[in-house]
């Protein structure tokens, strides 16, 4: 029997290990180089005076958004990022070399917070966007800086200063315009697989999807819109139950939510209420977000049951549900037309 091309394989479990969306790191700017004490001693320069140069500045630490990265996996194995130190000054008022900035690449959509205080330091969303997270130390002064009418031969210099050091919390929130949500086995993975080239794992047991799946769906104009299939929510997800609490953050940036309800479930109306309650409990404005209500698995409903379900869901949510069958490909065109309308495409 040929394998369904939509169905994933064991590598999904491997991806779950690799999908890291939170990390704690420490960053430290480089130490400034020391100034030195030196005097000019050329044969034909009597009383040459002080010529000690300044130390170079330590390197800064910078975070930069990189569109080629998808997770924070790199920070699982390396936690300390330290800039290079500046070089000490030289004679003849030569300034030591400054450290080159240390640029750390992170995925687009990474929020950076101070680990201790929780203060948001920056939010890197655009490719190439940078955030300075630790300044390098200033270089020390050589004795040439202390020349004065009172002191013609100063023997004083200063040491370089240490760079800043901060503990940081990195939190990745996926950048997707459309988020697909619903209870486990509502058909979210099947839906994103038929709308895009994404190939998530699909099976008939709960929590088949263990990581958010991203797929690009072509607009009528030819541009791509990113859809995100968020792992199934359950009752209590906002308080940490199941997988929902870990991945609810990934729909905070979406402009539109597609709430998928399993039309073949024992209590579709109750399933709707569970997800609505979790969105409200999680906060962050998700319950007020633009939302489409979609009833999936249309092939399991007869016409009288279909009409009764639509009426009940509309009365409960205030939204007219769309009827689709992701596996049969029914109603998908109308769904996409409604998505483009809501997004203003």
Foldseek 3Di string as FASTA:
>chain_A
DDDDQLADDPCLVVVLVQAAFKAKAKEWWAWWAWWAWDADDDPPQPLRFTFIAWWAWTAFEKEFAAQVDDHPNVRVVHHYHYTHYTHYTDGNHRYTHYTYHHYHYDHAQKWKAFPPPRHTQDGGHDGGDMGTDKGTWHIKGYCVVVDDPVDRHDRDIGHTGTIDMTMMMIGGADAFQEEEAFAFPLCLSLQLVLQFVWRQHDDDDGQSRSQKTWGWGADPVGDTGIYIYFHGDFACVLVPPDRNVVHVSNCLNYQEYEYGFELPDPCSPVRVVRVLVSLVSNDSCSNVHHYAYEYEPLVNDDDVSVVVVQVSNCVVPVHRYFYAYSVVGPRVVVVVVVVCVSVVD
